[in-house]
């Protein structure tokens, strides 16, 4: 007799549990699908009523089962309540409690929020469609619109992207002014990305990026993921668009900038997980896209036939202004300068790249190679490494060379030294030019066509010999450089118009002027005819009279 009586308790208890679970499931579906307020209220009332029935039935059952013996007030039958229905174990009540708790946990907890890494990954792989927002007054027009939304979302989730586009087109045609038109555009972006239609991804993102994304997608839970889906897919797409237009590059730059700086943490994500997602999944592709967008115009100009170096210079200059710490852009700007033969500016950028990051952003590059290249370029132009340390310090302060930046070439330095030498040693400098021209391959032509018979300005030299030694008619003169070694070699033979009256003092410095008449290249000798009166600084001593022999007497 005990089984049927106990069964009465289970008959009322079990249906209340099952009804409660079913009501919770229906209410959860209604919430996720955006049902009306009346449906939500009815579902919530059903769940509340089911919970109340369950709790009341459970408490009553436990009170009844607490008594070991129960007497029926109608028929007087005595029932042993120490057992259960069909002698079932006593754990049945606890099983039912666990079932109810699990059902309530599932309903009230809702789906687990994805981590930032999952958001980024799902955005890249076009995973599940976006969820409906919770902005007040934002809802589907009717059940038909929801079904169209759901169909497109299911297509994206199943990676049937072509059908997703078709379904989205149908939804857009019928409900152009939908409350969810912005969310629909994101679904378009996901579908286009799944079909590798990267140009359409960027073009679709443009109008969305012109809006305040935080205001458009304001839901604290769904909003951040929606924005990430938009930005991430656009960033991935821009670097894969073939020959992007300037407008597309601008859209890509805007998306990459916002993704790099995006810091709107989804409500259910921990600070640690969000920081990992930003630094490891969102910022790297954003920075890479910004670099791509910045350097592409310059690279395209360099790739033309023939290369458009001025355009490349302009593009890389603009890119470096936006990315002053980029060694790669500095190096590429240096290449453009170099092709334009703007060597000082090129060396500045090469040194800038070597000082900032000699790997140019790629650890695989040999850092010494770029540094050596930049240093060699400097010494080749300048003639030495003098001033190189100062340049390395200067390039740290500015991404671009200052106005009027100059590196003196080896030729310019030599010319400056020559000018200074001519100013302090005009006579020697004149002779060096004459001698260099005479020693050249065309030296004979120079002598015959320009020098022979032409008066030469006053020169200065050292008298090394005279012929004859007394009452000389020819003076052999050396024109030594400041560091000339002894003994000095005569280079000029000065023929006097009249012999000297005495013996000239050798190794004395004299000045003279005359007219060249003869030249021999080997051995080098230039003969100059001149007046004795035009020789200055010449010192003579009386000639020693010849010894007189005594006359021999004739025998």
Protein backbone atom coordinates (compact mmCIF):
# COMPACT_ATOMS: atom_id res chain seq x y z
CA UNK A 1 0.00 0.00 0.00
CA UNK A 2 2.93 2.39 0.60
CA UNK A 3 3.96 2.67 -3.09
CA UNK A 4 0.78 4.27 -4.42
CA UNK A 5 0.60 6.78 -1.61
CA UNK A 6 4.20 7.92 -2.02
CA UNK A 7 3.69 8.00 -5.76
CA UNK A 8 1.14 10.75 -5.28
CA UNK A 9 3.94 13.05 -4.02
CA UNK A 10 6.13 12.29 -7.02
CA UNK A 11 3.24 12.78 -9.40
CA UNK A 12 2.90 16.39 -8.23
CA UNK A 13 6.60 17.07 -7.69
CA UNK A 14 8.14 15.81 -10.96
CA UNK A 15 5.80 17.67 -13.36
CA UNK A 16 6.42 20.91 -11.48
CA UNK A 17 10.20 20.48 -12.07
CA UNK A 18 9.76 19.62 -15.74
CA UNK A 19 7.38 22.51 -16.27
CA UNK A 20 9.74 24.92 -14.65
CA UNK A 21 12.64 23.80 -16.88
CA UNK A 22 10.49 24.05 -20.00
CA UNK A 23 9.28 27.54 -19.03
CA UNK A 24 12.87 28.68 -18.41
CA UNK A 25 13.92 27.39 -21.84
CA UNK A 26 11.05 29.17 -23.58
CA UNK A 27 11.74 32.42 -21.74
CA UNK A 28 15.48 32.26 -22.59
CA UNK A 29 14.66 31.77 -26.28
CA UNK A 30 12.21 34.66 -26.21
CA UNK A 31 14.82 36.99 -24.72
CA UNK A 32 17.53 36.05 -27.25
CA UNK A 33 15.13 36.41 -30.19
CA UNK A 34 13.91 39.86 -29.21
CA UNK A 35 10.29 38.87 -28.46
CA UNK A 36 7.72 41.38 -27.33
CA UNK A 37 7.13 42.50 -23.78
CA UNK A 38 3.92 40.47 -23.41
CA UNK A 39 5.65 37.22 -24.30
CA UNK A 40 8.52 37.98 -21.95
CA UNK A 41 6.13 38.75 -19.11
CA UNK A 42 4.16 35.54 -19.67
CA UNK A 43 7.27 33.43 -19.80
CA UNK A 44 8.66 35.01 -16.67
CA UNK A 45 5.38 34.42 -14.83
CA UNK A 46 5.43 30.74 -15.88
CA UNK A 47 8.92 30.27 -14.54
CA UNK A 48 8.10 32.00 -11.28
CA UNK A 49 4.96 29.90 -10.87
CA UNK A 50 6.90 26.71 -11.62
CA UNK A 51 9.57 27.57 -9.06
CA UNK A 52 6.90 28.28 -6.44
CA UNK A 53 5.16 24.95 -7.13
CA UNK A 54 8.40 23.08 -6.97
CA UNK A 55 9.55 24.65 -3.72
CA UNK A 56 6.14 24.13 -2.11
CA UNK A 57 5.87 20.51 -3.30
CA UNK A 58 9.40 19.76 -2.21
CA UNK A 59 8.93 21.17 1.26
CA UNK A 60 5.65 19.29 1.67
CA UNK A 61 7.17 16.05 0.46
CA UNK A 62 10.08 16.39 2.84
CA UNK A 63 7.73 17.07 5.78
CA UNK A 64 5.66 14.04 4.91
CA UNK A 65 8.68 11.82 4.47
CA UNK A 66 10.03 12.97 7.80
CA UNK A 67 7.39 10.78 9.55
CA UNK A 68 8.18 7.07 9.53
CA UNK A 69 4.44 6.04 9.54
CA UNK A 70 1.46 7.82 7.97
CA UNK A 71 -2.26 6.96 8.45
CA UNK A 72 -4.70 7.84 5.71
CA UNK A 73 -7.58 9.96 7.13
CA UNK A 74 -10.03 8.62 4.52
CA UNK A 75 -9.57 4.86 4.51
CA UNK A 76 -7.46 4.48 7.64
CA UNK A 77 -4.69 2.69 5.78
CA UNK A 78 -1.28 2.83 7.45
CA UNK A 79 1.66 3.61 5.16
CA UNK A 80 5.38 3.09 5.91
CA UNK A 81 7.16 6.19 4.64
CA UNK A 82 10.65 4.98 5.32
CA UNK A 83 10.90 3.68 1.75
CA UNK A 84 10.29 5.36 -1.58
CA UNK A 85 8.37 4.81 -4.71
CA UNK A 86 8.89 1.17 -5.64
CA UNK A 87 11.59 1.04 -2.95
CA UNK A 88 13.65 3.61 -4.81
CA UNK A 89 16.75 5.01 -3.05
CA UNK A 90 16.35 8.01 -0.81
CA UNK A 91 18.53 10.17 -3.14
CA UNK A 92 15.56 10.98 -5.44
CA UNK A 93 14.71 14.24 -3.70
CA UNK A 94 18.31 15.44 -4.02
CA UNK A 95 18.43 14.47 -7.67
CA UNK A 96 15.38 16.63 -8.27
CA UNK A 97 16.96 19.50 -6.33
CA UNK A 98 20.12 19.28 -8.43
CA UNK A 99 18.08 19.24 -11.66
CA UNK A 100 16.23 22.37 -10.59
CA UNK A 101 19.39 24.20 -9.53
CA UNK A 102 21.13 23.37 -12.81
CA UNK A 103 18.15 24.57 -14.82
CA UNK A 104 18.03 27.84 -12.90
CA UNK A 105 21.79 28.30 -13.29
CA UNK A 106 21.59 27.84 -17.05
CA UNK A 107 18.70 30.25 -17.38
CA UNK A 108 19.89 33.04 -15.15
CA UNK A 109 23.61 32.85 -16.03
CA UNK A 110 23.12 33.02 -19.79
CA UNK A 111 25.85 32.19 -22.31
CA UNK A 112 29.48 32.61 -21.23
CA UNK A 113 31.00 35.85 -22.50
CA UNK A 114 33.91 35.33 -24.93
CA UNK A 115 37.36 36.50 -23.95
CA UNK A 116 39.00 39.24 -25.97
CA UNK A 117 41.18 36.66 -27.67
CA UNK A 118 38.07 34.76 -28.74
CA UNK A 119 36.48 38.00 -29.96
CA UNK A 120 39.50 38.76 -32.12
CA UNK A 121 39.72 35.22 -33.40
CA UNK A 122 36.03 35.03 -34.20
CA UNK A 123 36.25 38.36 -35.96
CA UNK A 124 39.06 37.05 -38.13
CA UNK A 125 37.36 33.77 -38.98
CA UNK A 126 33.84 35.16 -39.44
CA UNK A 127 32.36 33.14 -36.64
CA UNK A 128 28.94 33.53 -35.10
CA UNK A 129 26.89 36.57 -36.10
CA UNK A 130 26.47 39.53 -33.84
CA UNK A 131 23.82 39.54 -31.15
CA UNK A 132 20.91 41.93 -30.87
CA UNK A 133 21.67 45.06 -28.90
CA UNK A 134 19.78 46.21 -25.87
CA UNK A 135 19.43 49.88 -26.72
CA UNK A 136 15.97 51.07 -25.64
CA UNK A 137 13.51 51.15 -28.52
CA UNK A 138 15.73 49.05 -30.76
CA UNK A 139 13.91 46.00 -32.06
CA UNK A 140 12.98 44.01 -35.15
CA UNK A 141 9.97 45.28 -37.09
CA UNK A 142 8.32 41.89 -37.00
CA UNK A 143 9.01 38.18 -36.88
CA UNK A 144 9.82 38.14 -40.58
CA UNK A 145 12.70 40.54 -40.10
CA UNK A 146 14.07 38.48 -37.26
CA UNK A 147 13.91 35.36 -39.42
CA UNK A 148 15.84 37.13 -42.17
CA UNK A 149 18.44 38.25 -39.66
CA UNK A 150 18.70 34.76 -38.23
CA UNK A 151 19.02 33.18 -41.68
CA UNK A 152 21.96 35.45 -42.55
CA UNK A 153 23.55 34.81 -39.17
CA UNK A 154 23.20 31.07 -39.59
CA UNK A 155 24.83 31.30 -43.02
CA UNK A 156 27.81 33.13 -41.56
CA UNK A 157 28.09 30.64 -38.72
CA UNK A 158 28.07 27.80 -41.26
CA UNK A 159 30.62 29.68 -43.43
CA UNK A 160 28.14 29.79 -46.29
CA UNK A 161 29.18 33.34 -47.10
CA UNK A 162 27.73 33.60 -50.60
CA UNK A 163 24.26 32.70 -49.30
CA UNK A 164 24.79 35.09 -46.40
CA UNK A 165 25.25 37.96 -48.85
CA UNK A 166 22.09 36.92 -50.69
CA UNK A 167 20.11 36.80 -47.45
CA UNK A 168 21.53 40.13 -46.30
CA UNK A 169 20.58 41.71 -49.61
CA UNK A 170 17.03 40.45 -49.17
CA UNK A 171 16.88 41.76 -45.61
CA UNK A 172 18.25 45.15 -46.71
CA UNK A 173 15.82 45.39 -49.62
CA UNK A 174 12.78 44.76 -47.40
CA UNK A 175 13.95 46.52 -44.23
CA UNK A 176 16.32 49.23 -45.40
CA UNK A 177 15.63 51.37 -42.33
CA UNK A 178 16.00 48.53 -39.82
CA UNK A 179 16.99 49.36 -36.28
CA UNK A 180 19.84 46.93 -36.90
CA UNK A 181 21.13 48.36 -40.18
CA UNK A 182 24.57 49.02 -38.68
CA UNK A 183 24.77 45.49 -37.30
CA UNK A 184 23.72 44.28 -40.74
CA UNK A 185 26.65 46.14 -42.29
CA UNK A 186 29.01 44.29 -39.94
CA UNK A 187 27.47 41.01 -41.09
CA UNK A 188 28.14 42.11 -44.68
CA UNK A 189 31.77 42.71 -43.71
CA UNK A 190 32.00 39.22 -42.23
CA UNK A 191 30.48 37.66 -45.33
CA UNK A 192 32.73 39.60 -47.74
CA UNK A 193 35.80 38.72 -45.70
CA UNK A 194 34.83 35.07 -45.80
CA UNK A 195 34.73 35.30 -49.62
CA UNK A 196 38.10 37.11 -49.76
CA UNK A 197 36.36 40.16 -51.26
CA UNK A 198 38.66 42.50 -49.37
CA UNK A 199 37.85 45.60 -51.39
CA UNK A 200 34.18 45.26 -50.48
CA UNK A 201 35.13 44.79 -46.82
CA UNK A 202 36.96 48.13 -46.82
CA UNK A 203 34.30 49.94 -48.83
CA UNK A 204 31.52 48.69 -46.54
CA UNK A 205 33.47 49.74 -43.44
CA UNK A 206 33.92 53.31 -44.65
CA UNK A 207 30.47 54.73 -43.77
CA UNK A 208 30.52 52.97 -40.40
CA UNK A 209 33.91 54.47 -39.55
CA UNK A 210 32.53 57.93 -40.23
CA UNK A 211 30.27 57.50 -37.21
CA UNK A 212 30.95 57.46 -33.47
CA UNK A 213 31.33 53.70 -33.03
CA UNK A 214 30.99 53.82 -29.27
CA UNK A 215 27.64 55.57 -29.65
CA UNK A 216 26.41 53.34 -32.50
CA UNK A 217 27.36 50.11 -30.71
CA UNK A 218 26.76 51.25 -27.16
CA UNK A 219 25.71 47.98 -25.55
CA UNK A 220 28.35 47.25 -22.85
CA UNK A 221 28.40 43.53 -23.60
CA UNK A 222 27.77 43.19 -27.34
CA UNK A 223 29.10 46.61 -28.40
CA UNK A 224 32.84 46.05 -27.91
CA UNK A 225 32.75 42.79 -29.85
CA UNK A 226 30.83 44.45 -32.69
CA UNK A 227 33.37 47.25 -32.95
CA UNK A 228 36.26 44.78 -32.86
CA UNK A 229 34.63 42.74 -35.62
CA UNK A 230 34.39 45.85 -37.77
CA UNK A 231 37.88 47.17 -37.11
CA UNK A 232 39.73 43.87 -37.18
CA UNK A 233 38.23 42.66 -40.45
CA UNK A 234 38.93 46.03 -42.07
CA UNK A 235 42.54 46.00 -40.90
CA UNK A 236 43.07 42.48 -42.20
CA UNK A 237 41.42 43.37 -45.51
CA UNK A 238 43.30 46.58 -46.36
CA UNK A 239 46.68 44.86 -46.61
CA UNK A 240 45.22 42.36 -49.08
CA UNK A 241 43.44 44.74 -51.42
CA UNK A 242 45.08 44.78 -54.83
CA UNK A 243 46.01 48.35 -55.82
CA UNK A 244 43.90 50.09 -53.17
CA UNK A 245 42.58 53.55 -53.95
CA UNK A 246 43.55 56.56 -51.84
CA UNK A 247 40.05 56.45 -50.33
CA UNK A 248 40.49 52.81 -49.33
CA UNK A 249 43.90 53.54 -47.82
CA UNK A 250 42.32 56.33 -45.78
CA UNK A 251 39.63 53.93 -44.51
CA UNK A 252 42.27 51.33 -43.66
CA UNK A 253 44.34 53.90 -41.81
CA UNK A 254 41.31 55.04 -39.80
CA UNK A 255 40.39 51.47 -38.87
CA UNK A 256 43.96 50.56 -37.92
CA UNK A 257 44.35 53.68 -35.79
CA UNK A 258 41.12 52.99 -33.91
CA UNK A 259 41.96 49.31 -33.44
CA UNK A 260 45.43 50.17 -32.14
CA UNK A 261 43.94 52.57 -29.58
CA UNK A 262 40.75 50.59 -28.82
CA UNK A 263 40.37 50.07 -25.10
CA UNK A 264 36.67 49.44 -24.51
CA UNK A 265 36.68 46.30 -22.44
CA UNK A 266 33.67 43.98 -22.68
CA UNK A 267 31.93 43.85 -19.34
CA UNK A 268 32.41 40.13 -18.71
CA UNK A 269 36.15 40.08 -19.55
CA UNK A 270 38.80 40.39 -16.86
CA UNK A 271 41.38 43.17 -17.01
CA UNK A 272 44.21 40.66 -17.48
CA UNK A 273 42.50 38.87 -20.38
CA UNK A 274 41.63 42.17 -22.01
CA UNK A 275 45.18 43.45 -21.75
CA UNK A 276 46.45 40.24 -23.35
CA UNK A 277 43.91 40.49 -26.15
CA UNK A 278 44.79 44.12 -26.89
CA UNK A 279 48.56 43.76 -26.87
CA UNK A 280 48.86 40.36 -28.54
CA UNK A 281 45.87 40.12 -30.89
CA UNK A 282 44.57 43.59 -31.72
CA UNK A 283 47.53 45.98 -31.69
CA UNK A 284 50.07 43.97 -33.78
CA UNK A 285 47.88 43.73 -36.92
CA UNK A 286 46.80 47.35 -36.42
CA UNK A 287 50.41 48.56 -36.34
CA UNK A 288 51.30 46.40 -39.33
CA UNK A 289 48.40 47.84 -41.31
CA UNK A 290 49.41 51.40 -40.41
CA UNK A 291 52.92 50.71 -41.65
CA UNK A 292 51.56 49.19 -44.85
CA UNK A 293 49.25 52.12 -45.52
CA UNK A 294 52.03 54.61 -44.80
CA UNK A 295 54.64 53.02 -47.08
CA UNK A 296 52.51 51.75 -49.95
CA UNK A 297 52.34 55.03 -51.95
CA UNK A 298 56.12 55.38 -51.80
CA UNK A 299 56.68 51.76 -52.75
CA UNK A 300 54.28 52.12 -55.67
CA UNK A 301 56.14 55.21 -56.89
CA UNK A 302 59.47 53.37 -56.68
CA UNK A 303 58.03 50.39 -58.58
CA UNK A 304 56.96 52.45 -61.60
CA UNK A 305 58.80 52.24 -64.91
CA UNK A 306 60.69 54.50 -64.78
CA UNK A 307 60.57 55.04 -61.01
CA UNK A 308 58.96 58.26 -59.84
CA UNK A 309 61.56 59.28 -57.28
CA UNK A 310 60.10 62.72 -56.43
CA UNK A 311 56.72 61.10 -55.71
CA UNK A 312 58.43 58.44 -53.62
CA UNK A 313 60.29 61.12 -51.67
CA UNK A 314 57.05 62.98 -50.99
CA UNK A 315 55.21 59.80 -49.93
CA UNK A 316 57.95 58.54 -47.62
CA UNK A 317 58.39 62.01 -46.12
CA UNK A 318 54.68 62.13 -45.25
CA UNK A 319 54.86 58.60 -43.88
CA UNK A 320 57.85 59.45 -41.70
CA UNK A 321 56.09 62.49 -40.28
CA UNK A 322 53.26 60.19 -39.17
CA UNK A 323 55.66 57.45 -37.99
CA UNK A 324 58.82 59.27 -36.84
CA UNK A 325 60.19 56.25 -35.00
CA UNK A 326 60.09 53.94 -38.03
CA UNK A 327 63.58 52.93 -39.13
CA UNK A 328 62.17 51.17 -42.21
CA UNK A 329 60.48 54.34 -43.50
CA UNK A 330 63.62 56.39 -42.83
CA UNK A 331 65.68 53.88 -44.80
CA UNK A 332 63.27 53.92 -47.74
CA UNK A 333 63.24 57.72 -47.76
CA UNK A 334 67.03 57.56 -47.85
CA UNK A 335 66.83 55.32 -50.92
CA UNK A 336 64.57 57.83 -52.68
CA UNK A 337 66.99 60.66 -51.84
CA UNK A 338 69.90 58.59 -53.06
CA UNK A 339 68.32 57.96 -56.46
CA UNK A 340 67.68 61.69 -56.75
CA UNK A 341 71.39 62.28 -56.03
CA UNK A 342 70.51 64.13 -52.83
CA UNK A 343 73.36 62.41 -51.08
CA UNK A 344 73.56 64.40 -47.82
CA UNK A 345 69.84 63.89 -47.16
CA UNK A 346 70.13 60.21 -48.08
CA UNK A 347 73.00 59.68 -45.65
CA UNK A 348 71.03 61.46 -42.92
CA UNK A 349 68.14 59.00 -43.27
CA UNK A 350 70.46 55.99 -43.54
CA UNK A 351 72.14 57.06 -40.31
CA UNK A 352 68.75 57.73 -38.71
CA UNK A 353 67.62 54.18 -39.56
CA UNK A 354 70.89 52.69 -38.27
CA UNK A 355 70.70 54.59 -34.98
CA UNK A 356 67.00 53.89 -34.30
CA UNK A 357 66.83 50.24 -35.34
CA UNK A 358 69.50 48.77 -37.64
CA UNK A 359 67.30 45.70 -38.20
CA UNK A 360 64.63 47.94 -39.79
CA UNK A 361 61.99 46.26 -37.65
CA UNK A 362 62.88 42.72 -38.72
CA UNK A 363 65.02 40.76 -36.23
CA UNK A 364 66.16 38.55 -39.10
CA UNK A 365 68.06 41.45 -40.67
CA UNK A 366 71.77 41.83 -39.91
CA UNK A 367 72.08 44.96 -37.78
CA UNK A 368 75.76 45.42 -38.68
CA UNK A 369 74.96 45.48 -42.39
CA UNK A 370 72.80 48.59 -42.23
CA UNK A 371 75.20 50.36 -39.88
CA UNK A 372 78.21 49.56 -42.06
CA UNK A 373 76.36 50.67 -45.16
CA UNK A 374 75.38 54.00 -43.59
CA UNK A 375 78.93 54.66 -42.31
CA UNK A 376 80.53 53.80 -45.65
CA UNK A 377 78.12 56.10 -47.46
CA UNK A 378 79.24 58.94 -45.21
CA UNK A 379 82.98 58.39 -45.57
CA UNK A 380 82.68 57.94 -49.34
CA UNK A 381 80.96 61.29 -49.71
CA UNK A 382 82.92 63.20 -47.07
CA UNK A 383 86.33 61.62 -47.66
CA UNK A 384 86.79 60.59 -44.00
CA UNK A 385 84.80 59.78 -40.88
CA UNK A 386 85.44 63.25 -39.48
CA UNK A 387 82.13 64.55 -38.11
CA UNK A 388 80.37 61.16 -38.29
CA UNK A 389 79.93 60.91 -34.52
CA UNK A 390 78.28 64.32 -34.47
CA UNK A 391 75.89 63.25 -37.24
CA UNK A 392 74.91 60.09 -35.35
CA UNK A 393 74.00 62.23 -32.35
CA UNK A 394 72.08 64.73 -34.46
CA UNK A 395 69.86 62.19 -36.24
CA UNK A 396 68.44 61.06 -32.90
CA UNK A 397 66.72 64.41 -32.46
CA UNK A 398 64.77 64.64 -35.71
CA UNK A 399 63.26 62.18 -38.17
CA UNK A 400 63.94 64.56 -41.08
CA UNK A 401 67.07 66.57 -41.87
CA UNK A 402 66.88 70.25 -40.89
CA UNK A 403 66.54 72.92 -43.54
CA UNK A 404 69.84 73.58 -45.28
CA UNK A 405 71.37 70.32 -44.08
CA UNK A 406 74.73 69.75 -45.74
CA UNK A 407 77.57 67.23 -45.70
CA UNK A 408 80.69 68.53 -47.42
CA UNK A 409 82.02 66.26 -50.13
CA UNK A 410 85.65 65.28 -50.38
CA UNK A 411 85.94 67.47 -53.49
CA UNK A 412 84.42 70.44 -51.71
CA UNK A 413 86.81 69.99 -48.81
CA UNK A 414 89.78 69.80 -51.18
CA UNK A 415 88.62 72.91 -52.99
CA UNK A 416 88.25 74.77 -49.72
CA UNK A 417 91.75 73.78 -48.66
CA UNK A 418 93.08 74.82 -52.05
CA UNK A 419 91.38 78.18 -51.77
CA UNK A 420 92.85 78.71 -48.30
CA UNK A 421 96.26 77.65 -49.59
CA UNK A 422 96.02 80.04 -52.55
CA UNK A 423 95.12 82.85 -50.22
CA UNK A 424 98.11 82.25 -47.94
CA UNK A 425 100.55 81.04 -50.64
CA UNK A 426 99.48 82.63 -53.93
CA UNK A 427 102.82 82.16 -55.77
CA UNK A 428 103.21 78.53 -54.76
CA UNK A 429 99.57 77.81 -55.61
CA UNK A 430 100.09 79.32 -59.06
CA UNK A 431 103.12 77.19 -59.72
CA UNK A 432 101.30 74.03 -58.52
CA UNK A 433 98.57 74.64 -61.09
CA UNK A 434 101.10 75.24 -63.88
CA UNK A 435 103.08 72.15 -62.94
CA UNK A 436 99.93 70.00 -62.67
CA UNK A 437 98.83 71.09 -66.15
CA UNK A 438 102.30 70.44 -67.61
CA UNK A 439 102.50 67.01 -65.97
CA UNK A 440 99.13 65.97 -67.33
CA UNK A 441 98.75 63.73 -70.36
CA UNK A 442 98.08 66.79 -72.49
CA UNK A 443 100.90 68.78 -70.91
CA UNK A 444 102.68 69.51 -74.20
CA UNK A 445 99.51 70.92 -75.71
CA UNK A 446 98.99 73.10 -72.66
CA UNK A 447 102.53 74.48 -72.93
CA UNK A 448 102.40 75.18 -76.64
CA UNK A 449 98.87 76.61 -76.72
CA UNK A 450 98.62 78.48 -73.43
CA UNK A 451 101.93 78.88 -71.63
CA UNK A 452 104.69 79.39 -74.22
CA UNK A 453 105.42 83.04 -74.88
CA UNK A 454 102.93 84.24 -72.25
CA UNK A 455 104.17 86.30 -69.35
CA UNK A 456 103.87 84.41 -66.07
CA UNK A 457 103.14 86.34 -62.87
CA UNK A 458 105.83 86.51 -60.26
CA UNK A 459 106.84 83.16 -58.81
CA UNK A 460 108.82 82.29 -55.72
CA UNK A 461 111.46 79.57 -55.45
CA UNK A 462 114.76 78.45 -54.02
CA UNK A 463 117.97 78.88 -55.98
CA UNK A 464 119.69 75.48 -55.99
CA UNK A 465 122.37 76.09 -58.69
CA UNK A 466 123.75 78.65 -61.10
CA UNK A 467 125.61 78.30 -64.38
CA UNK A 468 128.31 79.29 -64.53
CA UNK A 469 128.99 79.59 -60.82
CA UNK A 470 130.30 83.12 -61.22
CA UNK A 471 128.78 85.74 -63.45
CA UNK A 472 125.97 83.27 -63.97
CA UNK A 473 123.68 83.39 -67.02
CA UNK A 474 121.23 80.62 -65.89
CA UNK A 475 119.61 80.14 -62.50
CA UNK A 476 118.28 76.67 -61.59
CA UNK A 477 115.29 77.13 -59.30
CA UNK A 478 113.21 74.68 -57.18
CA UNK A 479 109.65 75.51 -56.09
CA UNK A 480 109.24 73.24 -53.06
CA UNK A 481 106.06 72.39 -51.18
CA UNK A 482 106.04 73.11 -47.45
CA UNK A 483 106.84 69.47 -46.65
CA UNK A 484 109.40 68.91 -49.44
CA UNK A 485 112.38 66.71 -48.61
CA UNK A 486 116.02 67.72 -49.15
CA UNK A 487 117.85 67.90 -51.47
CA UNK A 488 115.60 70.03 -53.59
CA UNK A 489 115.26 69.33 -57.29
CA UNK A 490 115.41 72.16 -59.82
CA UNK A 491 112.21 72.55 -61.89
CA UNK A 492 112.75 75.90 -63.57
CA UNK A 493 115.74 77.21 -65.56
CA UNK A 494 115.69 80.99 -65.55
CA UNK A 495 117.76 82.43 -68.41
CA UNK A 496 119.02 85.93 -67.68
CA UNK A 497 119.19 88.56 -70.31
CA UNK A 498 122.62 89.53 -68.94
CA UNK A 499 125.12 87.71 -66.71
CA UNK A 500 125.35 88.50 -63.05
CA UNK A 501 128.17 90.65 -61.76
CA UNK A 502 129.12 88.27 -59.05
CA UNK A 503 128.53 84.78 -57.63
CA UNK A 504 124.89 84.11 -56.54
CA UNK A 505 124.27 82.73 -53.04
CA UNK A 506 122.71 79.26 -53.29
CA UNK A 507 119.72 77.95 -51.26
CA UNK A 508 118.36 81.46 -51.00
CA UNK A 509 114.69 82.27 -51.65
CA UNK A 510 114.16 84.47 -54.68
CA UNK A 511 111.24 85.86 -56.65
CA UNK A 512 111.17 86.21 -60.40
CA UNK A 513 108.97 86.67 -63.41
CA UNK A 514 109.47 85.96 -67.10
CA UNK A 515 108.22 84.24 -70.24
CA UNK A 516 108.31 80.43 -70.69
CA UNK A 517 110.18 79.35 -73.83
CA UNK A 518 111.01 75.64 -73.57
CA UNK A 519 109.49 72.63 -71.73
CA UNK A 520 110.62 69.02 -71.31
CA UNK A 521 108.45 66.52 -69.43
CA UNK A 522 111.12 63.94 -68.63
CA UNK A 523 113.11 65.09 -66.85
CA UNK A 524 110.69 67.82 -65.87
CA UNK A 525 112.10 71.25 -66.68
CA UNK A 526 110.52 74.56 -67.68
CA UNK A 527 112.78 77.20 -69.18
CA UNK A 528 111.80 80.81 -68.53
CA UNK A 529 113.45 83.83 -70.12
CA UNK A 530 113.63 87.01 -68.06
CA UNK A 531 115.39 90.18 -67.19
CA UNK A 532 118.00 90.26 -64.49
CA UNK A 533 116.25 93.26 -63.06
CA UNK A 534 113.10 91.22 -62.40
CA UNK A 535 114.84 88.82 -60.07
CA UNK A 536 114.32 89.80 -56.42
CA UNK A 537 116.05 88.57 -53.31
CA UNK A 538 119.13 87.42 -55.17
CA UNK A 539 122.35 87.85 -53.20
CA UNK A 540 125.76 87.77 -54.85
CA UNK A 541 129.35 87.92 -53.70
CA UNK A 542 132.29 89.17 -55.71
CA UNK A 543 133.88 86.62 -57.86
CA UNK A 544 137.39 85.58 -56.68
CA UNK A 545 139.91 86.97 -59.16
CA UNK A 546 141.90 84.36 -60.99
CA UNK A 547 145.43 83.85 -59.67
CA UNK A 548 148.09 85.77 -61.69
CA UNK A 549 151.17 83.77 -62.59
CA UNK A 550 154.47 85.53 -62.47
CA UNK A 551 155.84 86.21 -65.89
CA UNK A 552 158.57 83.88 -67.06
CA UNK A 553 161.82 85.56 -67.93
CA UNK A 554 163.16 84.90 -71.35
CA UNK A 555 166.50 83.51 -71.53
